[in-house]
């Protein structure tokens, strides 16, 4: 992954997770982000909400263990970028931290349980997360790889993988959280 593209993607995620807006990530930031994501689950879908919280907890523990070079329980932007590149995106950790969230989120979003996300189901997630609708609508079109008007579980997982792992500046998943330009 080019340094500029990597830095931009991980900076977007850092800013998104920094719920306290203090320039550092803490357990509280990850828990607040998990609560925000869990809002997409139906009120009575405790299993999906718990899966989202568990995955964010796993991600935080990984970030804290491998990224907290100061030992203060806070992760700086530089620490986050390094731990994302070296540890979180490593094959042995990526599924447990990042993809577990994607899997739980798609279950929550697929309100008609047809195994795919419609445009409205997809955009609902980003409405909850505060991503402007014009970005999520544009991303939907890019992430619908087969052009059938739906995002399958595989297409959603591919988008997540593209965003975090791809070195290709033209990868469709780069648009997951809004425009990313190298």
N, C-alpha and C. Protein backbone atom coordinates (compact mmCIF):
# COMPACT_ATOMS: atom_id res chain seq x y z
N UNK A 1 0.86 -1.18 0.00
CA UNK A 1 0.00 0.00 0.00
C UNK A 1 0.90 1.22 0.00
N UNK A 2 0.60 2.15 -0.86
CA UNK A 2 1.42 3.36 -0.88
C UNK A 2 1.29 4.07 0.46
N UNK A 3 2.37 4.72 0.85
CA UNK A 3 2.37 5.39 2.14
C UNK A 3 1.28 6.44 2.23
N UNK A 4 1.10 7.22 1.18
CA UNK A 4 0.09 8.28 1.19
C UNK A 4 -1.31 7.68 1.33
N UNK A 5 -1.61 6.65 0.54
CA UNK A 5 -2.92 6.01 0.60
C UNK A 5 -3.15 5.37 1.96
N UNK A 6 -2.15 4.65 2.45
CA UNK A 6 -2.25 4.02 3.78
C UNK A 6 -2.52 5.06 4.85
N UNK A 7 -1.72 6.09 4.84
CA UNK A 7 -1.89 7.13 5.86
C UNK A 7 -3.28 7.76 5.79
N UNK A 8 -3.77 7.99 4.59
CA UNK A 8 -5.09 8.61 4.46
C UNK A 8 -6.18 7.69 4.97
N UNK A 9 -6.15 6.41 4.59
CA UNK A 9 -7.19 5.48 5.03
C UNK A 9 -7.19 5.33 6.55
N UNK A 10 -6.02 5.09 7.12
CA UNK A 10 -5.96 4.88 8.56
C UNK A 10 -6.23 6.16 9.33
N UNK A 11 -5.93 7.30 8.73
CA UNK A 11 -6.26 8.58 9.36
C UNK A 11 -7.77 8.79 9.39
N UNK A 12 -8.45 8.40 8.32
CA UNK A 12 -9.91 8.48 8.29
C UNK A 12 -10.50 7.64 9.42
N UNK A 13 -10.00 6.41 9.56
CA UNK A 13 -10.50 5.52 10.61
C UNK A 13 -10.18 6.10 11.99
N UNK A 14 -8.96 6.60 12.17
CA UNK A 14 -8.58 7.20 13.45
C UNK A 14 -9.54 8.33 13.81
N UNK A 15 -9.76 9.24 12.87
CA UNK A 15 -10.66 10.38 13.15
C UNK A 15 -12.07 9.90 13.46
N UNK A 16 -12.50 8.87 12.79
CA UNK A 16 -13.82 8.32 13.01
C UNK A 16 -13.94 7.70 14.39
N UNK A 17 -12.89 6.99 14.81
CA UNK A 17 -12.91 6.34 16.13
C UNK A 17 -12.67 7.31 17.27
N UNK A 18 -12.04 8.44 17.02
CA UNK A 18 -11.71 9.38 18.09
C UNK A 18 -12.96 10.13 18.53
N UNK A 19 -13.81 9.41 19.21
CA UNK A 19 -15.10 9.96 19.64
C UNK A 19 -14.95 11.10 20.65
N UNK A 20 -13.88 11.08 21.44
CA UNK A 20 -13.63 12.15 22.41
C UNK A 20 -13.00 13.38 21.78
N UNK A 21 -12.63 13.27 20.51
CA UNK A 21 -12.03 14.36 19.74
C UNK A 21 -10.84 15.00 20.45
N UNK A 22 -10.00 14.13 21.08
CA UNK A 22 -8.84 14.65 21.80
C UNK A 22 -7.51 14.25 21.15
N UNK A 23 -7.57 13.64 19.97
CA UNK A 23 -6.35 13.28 19.26
C UNK A 23 -5.72 11.99 19.72
N UNK A 24 -6.41 11.24 20.57
CA UNK A 24 -5.95 9.92 21.02
C UNK A 24 -7.13 8.97 21.05
N UNK A 25 -6.84 7.69 20.88
CA UNK A 25 -7.87 6.67 21.00
C UNK A 25 -7.73 5.99 22.36
N UNK A 26 -8.88 5.72 22.97
CA UNK A 26 -8.93 5.02 24.25
C UNK A 26 -10.00 3.93 24.17
N UNK A 27 -10.05 3.14 25.20
CA UNK A 27 -11.10 2.11 25.29
C UNK A 27 -12.47 2.78 25.18
N UNK A 28 -12.64 3.93 25.82
CA UNK A 28 -13.92 4.64 25.75
C UNK A 28 -14.29 5.00 24.31
N UNK A 29 -13.30 5.41 23.52
CA UNK A 29 -13.56 5.73 22.11
C UNK A 29 -14.04 4.50 21.35
N UNK A 30 -13.39 3.37 21.57
CA UNK A 30 -13.79 2.14 20.88
C UNK A 30 -15.17 1.68 21.34
N UNK A 31 -15.45 1.83 22.63
CA UNK A 31 -16.78 1.45 23.12
C UNK A 31 -17.86 2.37 22.56
N UNK A 32 -17.57 3.65 22.45
CA UNK A 32 -18.54 4.59 21.87
C UNK A 32 -18.77 4.28 20.39
N UNK A 33 -17.72 3.92 19.69
CA UNK A 33 -17.86 3.55 18.28
C UNK A 33 -18.68 2.27 18.15
N UNK A 34 -18.43 1.33 19.03
CA UNK A 34 -19.20 0.08 19.02
C UNK A 34 -20.68 0.36 19.27
N UNK A 35 -20.99 1.25 20.21
CA UNK A 35 -22.39 1.61 20.47
C UNK A 35 -23.03 2.23 19.24
N UNK A 36 -22.27 3.06 18.53
CA UNK A 36 -22.78 3.69 17.32
C UNK A 36 -23.10 2.61 16.27
N UNK A 37 -22.17 1.69 16.05
CA UNK A 37 -22.40 0.61 15.09
C UNK A 37 -23.56 -0.28 15.52
N UNK A 38 -23.64 -0.56 16.80
CA UNK A 38 -24.69 -1.46 17.31
C UNK A 38 -26.08 -0.88 17.11
N UNK A 39 -26.18 0.43 16.91
CA UNK A 39 -27.50 1.05 16.68
C UNK A 39 -28.15 0.56 15.39
N UNK A 40 -27.38 -0.05 14.49
CA UNK A 40 -27.99 -0.56 13.25
C UNK A 40 -28.72 -1.87 13.50
N UNK A 41 -28.43 -2.54 14.61
CA UNK A 41 -29.12 -3.79 14.94
C UNK A 41 -30.52 -3.47 15.45
N UNK A 42 -31.44 -4.37 15.20
CA UNK A 42 -32.79 -4.21 15.75
C UNK A 42 -32.70 -4.22 17.26
N UNK A 43 -33.60 -3.50 17.89
CA UNK A 43 -33.57 -3.34 19.34
C UNK A 43 -33.55 -4.68 20.08
N UNK A 44 -34.22 -5.67 19.53
CA UNK A 44 -34.27 -6.98 20.21
C UNK A 44 -33.20 -7.96 19.71
N UNK A 45 -32.31 -7.51 18.85
CA UNK A 45 -31.25 -8.38 18.32
C UNK A 45 -29.99 -8.24 19.18
N UNK A 46 -30.06 -8.78 20.36
CA UNK A 46 -28.98 -8.68 21.33
C UNK A 46 -27.73 -9.43 20.87
N UNK A 47 -27.90 -10.52 20.14
CA UNK A 47 -26.75 -11.31 19.69
C UNK A 47 -25.89 -10.51 18.71
N UNK A 48 -26.52 -9.82 17.78
CA UNK A 48 -25.75 -9.02 16.82
C UNK A 48 -25.08 -7.85 17.50
N UNK A 49 -25.80 -7.16 18.37
CA UNK A 49 -25.20 -6.04 19.10
C UNK A 49 -24.01 -6.52 19.93
N UNK A 50 -24.16 -7.68 20.58
CA UNK A 50 -23.05 -8.23 21.37
C UNK A 50 -21.87 -8.59 20.48
N UNK A 51 -22.15 -9.13 19.29
CA UNK A 51 -21.07 -9.48 18.36
C UNK A 51 -20.30 -8.24 17.93
N UNK A 52 -21.02 -7.15 17.70
CA UNK A 52 -20.37 -5.89 17.32
C UNK A 52 -19.49 -5.40 18.47
N UNK A 53 -20.02 -5.40 19.68
CA UNK A 53 -19.24 -4.96 20.84
C UNK A 53 -18.03 -5.86 21.06
N UNK A 54 -18.21 -7.16 20.94
CA UNK A 54 -17.10 -8.10 21.14
C UNK A 54 -15.99 -7.87 20.12
N UNK A 55 -16.37 -7.62 18.87
CA UNK A 55 -15.37 -7.39 17.82
C UNK A 55 -14.61 -6.08 18.07
N UNK A 56 -15.32 -5.04 18.47
CA UNK A 56 -14.62 -3.79 18.78
C UNK A 56 -13.71 -3.96 19.99
N UNK A 57 -14.14 -4.75 20.98
CA UNK A 57 -13.27 -5.04 22.13
C UNK A 57 -12.01 -5.77 21.68
N UNK A 58 -12.16 -6.75 20.78
CA UNK A 58 -11.00 -7.49 20.27
C UNK A 58 -10.06 -6.55 19.52
N UNK A 59 -10.63 -5.66 18.71
CA UNK A 59 -9.81 -4.70 17.97
C UNK A 59 -9.06 -3.80 18.94
N UNK A 60 -9.75 -3.28 19.96
CA UNK A 60 -9.09 -2.42 20.94
C UNK A 60 -7.97 -3.16 21.65
N UNK A 61 -8.22 -4.38 22.09
CA UNK A 61 -7.18 -5.13 22.81
C UNK A 61 -5.94 -5.32 21.94
N UNK A 62 -6.16 -5.58 20.67
CA UNK A 62 -5.05 -5.74 19.73
C UNK A 62 -4.29 -4.42 19.57
N UNK A 63 -5.02 -3.34 19.40
CA UNK A 63 -4.39 -2.02 19.26
C UNK A 63 -3.62 -1.67 20.53
N UNK A 64 -4.22 -1.90 21.67
CA UNK A 64 -3.57 -1.57 22.94
C UNK A 64 -2.32 -2.42 23.15
N UNK A 65 -2.44 -3.72 22.92
CA UNK A 65 -1.31 -4.63 23.14
C UNK A 65 -0.11 -4.30 22.25
N UNK A 66 -0.37 -4.02 21.00
CA UNK A 66 0.73 -3.84 20.05
C UNK A 66 1.04 -2.38 19.72
N UNK A 67 0.17 -1.47 20.09
CA UNK A 67 0.36 -0.09 19.66
C UNK A 67 0.63 0.92 20.75
N UNK A 68 0.35 0.59 22.00
CA UNK A 68 0.49 1.56 23.08
C UNK A 68 1.95 1.63 23.53
N UNK A 69 2.77 2.28 22.73
CA UNK A 69 4.21 2.33 23.02
C UNK A 69 4.51 3.16 24.27
N UNK A 70 3.62 4.07 24.63
CA UNK A 70 3.83 4.88 25.82
C UNK A 70 3.29 4.24 27.09
N UNK A 71 2.52 3.15 26.95
CA UNK A 71 1.97 2.47 28.12
C UNK A 71 0.96 3.28 28.90
N UNK A 72 0.31 4.25 28.24
CA UNK A 72 -0.61 5.12 28.95
C UNK A 72 -2.08 4.80 28.68
N UNK A 73 -2.34 3.72 27.93
CA UNK A 73 -3.73 3.37 27.62
C UNK A 73 -4.35 4.25 26.57
N UNK A 74 -3.53 5.04 25.90
CA UNK A 74 -3.99 5.93 24.84
C UNK A 74 -3.17 5.66 23.59
N UNK A 75 -3.83 5.73 22.45
CA UNK A 75 -3.16 5.46 21.17
C UNK A 75 -3.14 6.74 20.34
N UNK A 76 -1.95 7.17 19.98
CA UNK A 76 -1.81 8.35 19.13
C UNK A 76 -2.10 7.97 17.68
N UNK A 77 -2.24 8.95 16.83
CA UNK A 77 -2.46 8.70 15.40
C UNK A 77 -1.29 7.88 14.83
N UNK A 78 -0.07 8.23 15.17
CA UNK A 78 1.11 7.51 14.67
C UNK A 78 1.10 6.06 15.17
N UNK A 79 0.81 5.86 16.46
CA UNK A 79 0.73 4.50 16.99
C UNK A 79 -0.35 3.70 16.27
N UNK A 80 -1.50 4.34 16.04
CA UNK A 80 -2.61 3.67 15.36
C UNK A 80 -2.23 3.26 13.95
N UNK A 81 -1.63 4.17 13.21
CA UNK A 81 -1.24 3.85 11.84
C UNK A 81 -0.28 2.67 11.82
N UNK A 82 0.68 2.67 12.72
CA UNK A 82 1.67 1.58 12.77
C UNK A 82 1.01 0.26 13.14
N UNK A 83 0.17 0.26 14.17
CA UNK A 83 -0.45 -1.00 14.61
C UNK A 83 -1.44 -1.51 13.57
N UNK A 84 -2.09 -0.61 12.88
CA UNK A 84 -3.00 -1.04 11.82
C UNK A 84 -2.22 -1.75 10.72
N UNK A 85 -1.11 -1.17 10.30
CA UNK A 85 -0.32 -1.74 9.22
C UNK A 85 0.34 -3.06 9.62
N UNK A 86 0.89 -3.10 10.81
CA UNK A 86 1.69 -4.25 11.23
C UNK A 86 0.85 -5.36 11.85
N UNK A 87 -0.13 -5.01 12.66
CA UNK A 87 -0.83 -6.02 13.45
C UNK A 87 -2.29 -6.24 13.05
N UNK A 88 -3.09 -5.19 13.03
CA UNK A 88 -4.53 -5.36 12.81
C UNK A 88 -4.80 -5.94 11.43
N UNK A 89 -4.05 -5.50 10.43
CA UNK A 89 -4.27 -5.99 9.07
C UNK A 89 -3.51 -7.28 8.78
N UNK A 90 -2.78 -7.79 9.74
CA UNK A 90 -2.08 -9.08 9.56
C UNK A 90 -3.12 -10.19 9.48
N UNK A 91 -2.88 -11.17 8.63
CA UNK A 91 -3.87 -12.25 8.44
C UNK A 91 -4.33 -12.92 9.73
N UNK A 92 -3.45 -13.06 10.69
CA UNK A 92 -3.83 -13.74 11.93
C UNK A 92 -4.74 -12.92 12.83
N UNK A 93 -4.90 -11.62 12.54
CA UNK A 93 -5.74 -10.76 13.38
C UNK A 93 -6.93 -10.13 12.65
N UNK A 94 -6.83 -9.97 11.35
CA UNK A 94 -7.79 -9.18 10.61
C UNK A 94 -9.23 -9.70 10.75
N UNK A 95 -9.43 -11.00 10.61
CA UNK A 95 -10.79 -11.56 10.70
C UNK A 95 -11.40 -11.33 12.07
N UNK A 96 -10.62 -11.55 13.12
CA UNK A 96 -11.14 -11.44 14.49
C UNK A 96 -11.48 -10.00 14.86
N UNK A 97 -10.72 -9.07 14.35
CA UNK A 97 -10.97 -7.68 14.71
C UNK A 97 -11.91 -7.00 13.72
N UNK A 98 -11.49 -6.87 12.49
CA UNK A 98 -12.23 -6.06 11.52
C UNK A 98 -13.38 -6.82 10.86
N UNK A 99 -13.10 -8.00 10.34
CA UNK A 99 -14.14 -8.71 9.59
C UNK A 99 -15.28 -9.20 10.48
N UNK A 100 -15.02 -9.42 11.75
CA UNK A 100 -16.10 -9.81 12.67
C UNK A 100 -17.13 -8.68 12.77
N UNK A 101 -16.67 -7.45 12.71
CA UNK A 101 -17.59 -6.31 12.72
C UNK A 101 -18.39 -6.30 11.43
N UNK A 102 -17.71 -6.49 10.31
CA UNK A 102 -18.40 -6.50 9.01
C UNK A 102 -19.47 -7.57 8.97
N UNK A 103 -19.17 -8.76 9.46
CA UNK A 103 -20.14 -9.85 9.44
C UNK A 103 -21.36 -9.54 10.31
N UNK A 104 -21.12 -8.99 11.48
CA UNK A 104 -22.23 -8.64 12.37
C UNK A 104 -23.06 -7.50 11.78
N UNK A 105 -22.39 -6.53 11.20
CA UNK A 105 -23.10 -5.38 10.63
C UNK A 105 -23.98 -5.80 9.46
N UNK A 106 -23.49 -6.67 8.60
CA UNK A 106 -24.32 -7.08 7.47
C UNK A 106 -25.55 -7.85 7.95
N UNK A 107 -25.40 -8.63 9.02
CA UNK A 107 -26.58 -9.32 9.59
C UNK A 107 -27.59 -8.30 10.09
N UNK A 108 -27.10 -7.25 10.73
CA UNK A 108 -28.00 -6.22 11.26
C UNK A 108 -28.68 -5.44 10.15
N UNK A 109 -27.94 -5.15 9.10
CA UNK A 109 -28.48 -4.32 8.01
C UNK A 109 -29.46 -5.06 7.12
N UNK A 110 -29.28 -6.36 6.97
CA UNK A 110 -30.12 -7.15 6.07
C UNK A 110 -31.48 -7.38 6.72
N UNK A 111 -32.28 -6.33 6.75
CA UNK A 111 -33.54 -6.35 7.50
C UNK A 111 -34.56 -7.32 6.93
N UNK A 112 -34.51 -7.58 5.62
CA UNK A 112 -35.45 -8.53 5.05
C UNK A 112 -34.87 -9.95 4.96
N UNK A 113 -33.65 -10.10 5.50
CA UNK A 113 -32.99 -11.40 5.61
C UNK A 113 -32.93 -12.16 4.29
N UNK A 114 -32.64 -11.42 3.20
CA UNK A 114 -32.50 -12.07 1.91
C UNK A 114 -31.05 -12.34 1.53
N UNK A 115 -30.12 -12.05 2.45
CA UNK A 115 -28.71 -12.35 2.22
C UNK A 115 -27.95 -11.31 1.45
N UNK A 116 -28.60 -10.21 1.09
CA UNK A 116 -27.95 -9.11 0.37
C UNK A 116 -28.40 -7.79 0.95
N UNK A 117 -27.66 -6.73 0.63
CA UNK A 117 -28.04 -5.40 1.06
C UNK A 117 -28.59 -4.62 -0.11
N UNK A 118 -29.79 -4.10 0.06
CA UNK A 118 -30.34 -3.17 -0.92
C UNK A 118 -29.65 -1.82 -0.72
N UNK A 119 -29.90 -0.91 -1.62
CA UNK A 119 -29.35 0.43 -1.49
C UNK A 119 -29.78 1.05 -0.16
N UNK A 120 -31.07 0.97 0.17
CA UNK A 120 -31.57 1.57 1.40
C UNK A 120 -30.98 0.92 2.64
N UNK A 121 -30.82 -0.41 2.63
CA UNK A 121 -30.21 -1.09 3.77
C UNK A 121 -28.77 -0.64 3.95
N UNK A 122 -28.04 -0.55 2.86
CA UNK A 122 -26.64 -0.14 2.92
C UNK A 122 -26.50 1.29 3.42
N UNK A 123 -27.27 2.20 2.85
CA UNK A 123 -27.17 3.62 3.21
C UNK A 123 -27.57 3.84 4.67
N UNK A 124 -28.46 3.02 5.20
CA UNK A 124 -28.89 3.16 6.59
C UNK A 124 -27.70 3.08 7.55
N UNK A 125 -26.76 2.18 7.28
CA UNK A 125 -25.58 2.07 8.14
C UNK A 125 -24.84 3.41 8.18
N UNK A 126 -24.61 3.96 7.04
CA UNK A 126 -23.82 5.18 6.97
C UNK A 126 -24.57 6.40 7.47
N UNK A 127 -25.90 6.37 7.39
CA UNK A 127 -26.69 7.42 8.03
C UNK A 127 -26.44 7.39 9.53
N UNK A 128 -26.49 6.19 10.12
CA UNK A 128 -26.25 6.03 11.56
C UNK A 128 -24.84 6.48 11.93
N UNK A 129 -23.88 6.22 11.04
CA UNK A 129 -22.48 6.54 11.33
C UNK A 129 -22.10 7.98 10.98
N UNK A 130 -23.05 8.72 10.40
CA UNK A 130 -22.78 10.12 10.10
C UNK A 130 -22.03 10.35 8.80
N UNK A 131 -21.99 9.35 7.93
CA UNK A 131 -21.36 9.52 6.61
C UNK A 131 -22.40 10.16 5.70
N UNK A 132 -22.06 11.24 5.01
CA UNK A 132 -23.03 11.89 4.13
C UNK A 132 -23.62 10.93 3.10
N UNK A 133 -24.89 11.05 2.88
CA UNK A 133 -25.63 10.16 1.97
C UNK A 133 -25.04 10.15 0.56
N UNK A 134 -24.55 11.29 0.10
CA UNK A 134 -23.97 11.30 -1.25
C UNK A 134 -22.75 10.40 -1.33
N UNK A 135 -21.99 10.28 -0.23
CA UNK A 135 -20.84 9.37 -0.22
C UNK A 135 -21.29 7.92 -0.17
N UNK A 136 -22.26 7.62 0.68
CA UNK A 136 -22.69 6.22 0.80
C UNK A 136 -23.42 5.75 -0.45
N UNK A 137 -24.17 6.62 -1.10
CA UNK A 137 -24.84 6.24 -2.34
C UNK A 137 -23.82 5.99 -3.45
N UNK A 138 -22.81 6.86 -3.53
CA UNK A 138 -21.76 6.67 -4.54
C UNK A 138 -20.97 5.39 -4.24
N UNK A 139 -20.71 5.14 -2.98
CA UNK A 139 -19.98 3.92 -2.60
C UNK A 139 -20.79 2.68 -2.95
N UNK A 140 -22.09 2.72 -2.72
CA UNK A 140 -22.94 1.57 -3.04
C UNK A 140 -22.75 1.17 -4.49
N UNK A 141 -22.78 2.13 -5.38
CA UNK A 141 -22.63 1.84 -6.82
C UNK A 141 -21.27 1.21 -7.12
N UNK A 142 -20.22 1.65 -6.43
CA UNK A 142 -18.89 1.10 -6.66
C UNK A 142 -18.73 -0.29 -6.05
N UNK A 143 -19.39 -0.52 -4.90
CA UNK A 143 -19.23 -1.78 -4.18
C UNK A 143 -20.11 -2.89 -4.74
N UNK A 144 -21.12 -2.53 -5.50
CA UNK A 144 -21.98 -3.51 -6.17
C UNK A 144 -21.21 -4.01 -7.40
N UNK A 145 -20.27 -4.90 -7.15
CA UNK A 145 -19.31 -5.31 -8.18
C UNK A 145 -19.94 -5.95 -9.40
N UNK A 146 -21.05 -6.66 -9.21
CA UNK A 146 -21.68 -7.32 -10.36
C UNK A 146 -22.80 -6.47 -10.97
N UNK A 147 -23.05 -5.30 -10.40
CA UNK A 147 -24.01 -4.36 -10.97
C UNK A 147 -25.46 -4.81 -10.91
N UNK A 148 -25.79 -5.70 -9.95
CA UNK A 148 -27.16 -6.20 -9.88
C UNK A 148 -28.07 -5.39 -8.95
N UNK A 149 -27.59 -4.27 -8.43
CA UNK A 149 -28.42 -3.43 -7.57
C UNK A 149 -28.44 -3.86 -6.12
N UNK A 150 -27.57 -4.80 -5.75
CA UNK A 150 -27.48 -5.30 -4.38
C UNK A 150 -26.02 -5.51 -4.03
N UNK A 151 -25.73 -5.45 -2.75
CA UNK A 151 -24.39 -5.79 -2.27
C UNK A 151 -24.50 -7.09 -1.50
N UNK A 152 -23.85 -8.10 -2.02
CA UNK A 152 -23.85 -9.40 -1.35
C UNK A 152 -22.91 -9.35 -0.15
N UNK A 153 -23.02 -10.38 0.68
CA UNK A 153 -22.11 -10.50 1.83
C UNK A 153 -20.67 -10.52 1.32
N UNK A 154 -20.42 -11.26 0.26
CA UNK A 154 -19.06 -11.35 -0.31
C UNK A 154 -18.59 -9.99 -0.82
N UNK A 155 -19.47 -9.24 -1.46
CA UNK A 155 -19.09 -7.91 -1.95
C UNK A 155 -18.81 -6.96 -0.79
N UNK A 156 -19.59 -7.04 0.29
CA UNK A 156 -19.36 -6.19 1.46
C UNK A 156 -18.02 -6.55 2.10
N UNK A 157 -17.76 -7.84 2.27
CA UNK A 157 -16.48 -8.27 2.83
C UNK A 157 -15.32 -7.83 1.94
N UNK A 158 -15.51 -7.91 0.63
CA UNK A 158 -14.46 -7.47 -0.29
C UNK A 158 -14.19 -5.98 -0.13
N UNK A 159 -15.24 -5.20 0.05
CA UNK A 159 -15.08 -3.76 0.24
C UNK A 159 -14.28 -3.46 1.51
N UNK A 160 -14.58 -4.19 2.58
CA UNK A 160 -13.84 -4.00 3.84
C UNK A 160 -12.38 -4.37 3.62
N UNK A 161 -12.15 -5.51 2.99
CA UNK A 161 -10.77 -5.94 2.71
C UNK A 161 -10.05 -4.92 1.84
N UNK A 162 -10.72 -4.44 0.80
CA UNK A 162 -10.11 -3.42 -0.07
C UNK A 162 -9.69 -2.20 0.75
N UNK A 163 -10.59 -1.74 1.60
CA UNK A 163 -10.31 -0.52 2.35
C UNK A 163 -9.07 -0.70 3.22
N UNK A 164 -9.01 -1.79 3.96
CA UNK A 164 -7.93 -1.97 4.92
C UNK A 164 -6.67 -2.60 4.33
N UNK A 165 -6.80 -3.39 3.27
CA UNK A 165 -5.66 -4.18 2.81
C UNK A 165 -5.14 -3.81 1.43
N UNK A 166 -5.96 -3.27 0.57
CA UNK A 166 -5.57 -3.10 -0.83
C UNK A 166 -4.57 -1.97 -1.03
N UNK A 167 -3.59 -2.25 -1.88
CA UNK A 167 -2.62 -1.24 -2.29
C UNK A 167 -3.06 -0.53 -3.57
N UNK A 168 -4.18 -0.97 -4.11
CA UNK A 168 -4.67 -0.42 -5.38
C UNK A 168 -5.45 0.87 -5.11
N UNK A 169 -4.97 2.00 -5.60
CA UNK A 169 -5.70 3.25 -5.35
C UNK A 169 -7.07 3.29 -6.01
N UNK A 170 -7.33 2.38 -6.95
CA UNK A 170 -8.63 2.34 -7.63
C UNK A 170 -9.56 1.26 -7.08
N UNK A 171 -9.17 0.61 -5.98
CA UNK A 171 -10.01 -0.45 -5.40
C UNK A 171 -11.35 0.14 -4.97
N UNK A 172 -12.46 -0.51 -5.35
CA UNK A 172 -13.79 0.01 -4.99
C UNK A 172 -13.96 0.24 -3.49
N UNK A 173 -13.40 -0.62 -2.66
CA UNK A 173 -13.55 -0.49 -1.21
C UNK A 173 -12.94 0.76 -0.63
N UNK A 174 -12.07 1.41 -1.38
CA UNK A 174 -11.49 2.66 -0.89
C UNK A 174 -12.56 3.73 -0.65
N UNK A 175 -13.74 3.55 -1.25
CA UNK A 175 -14.81 4.53 -1.13
C UNK A 175 -15.76 4.22 0.04
N UNK A 176 -15.45 3.21 0.80
CA UNK A 176 -16.32 2.74 1.87
C UNK A 176 -16.75 3.84 2.83
N UNK A 177 -15.84 4.71 3.22
CA UNK A 177 -16.13 5.76 4.20
C UNK A 177 -16.15 7.16 3.59
N UNK A 178 -16.25 7.21 2.28
CA UNK A 178 -16.21 8.47 1.57
C UNK A 178 -15.03 8.47 0.63
N UNK A 179 -14.85 9.53 -0.10
CA UNK A 179 -13.78 9.57 -1.10
C UNK A 179 -12.40 9.44 -0.46
N UNK A 180 -11.58 8.62 -1.08
CA UNK A 180 -10.17 8.51 -0.70
C UNK A 180 -9.38 8.74 -1.97
N UNK A 181 -8.55 9.76 -1.95
CA UNK A 181 -7.73 10.04 -3.13
C UNK A 181 -6.28 10.03 -2.70
N UNK A 182 -5.46 9.21 -3.39
CA UNK A 182 -4.04 9.13 -3.02
C UNK A 182 -3.29 10.41 -3.34
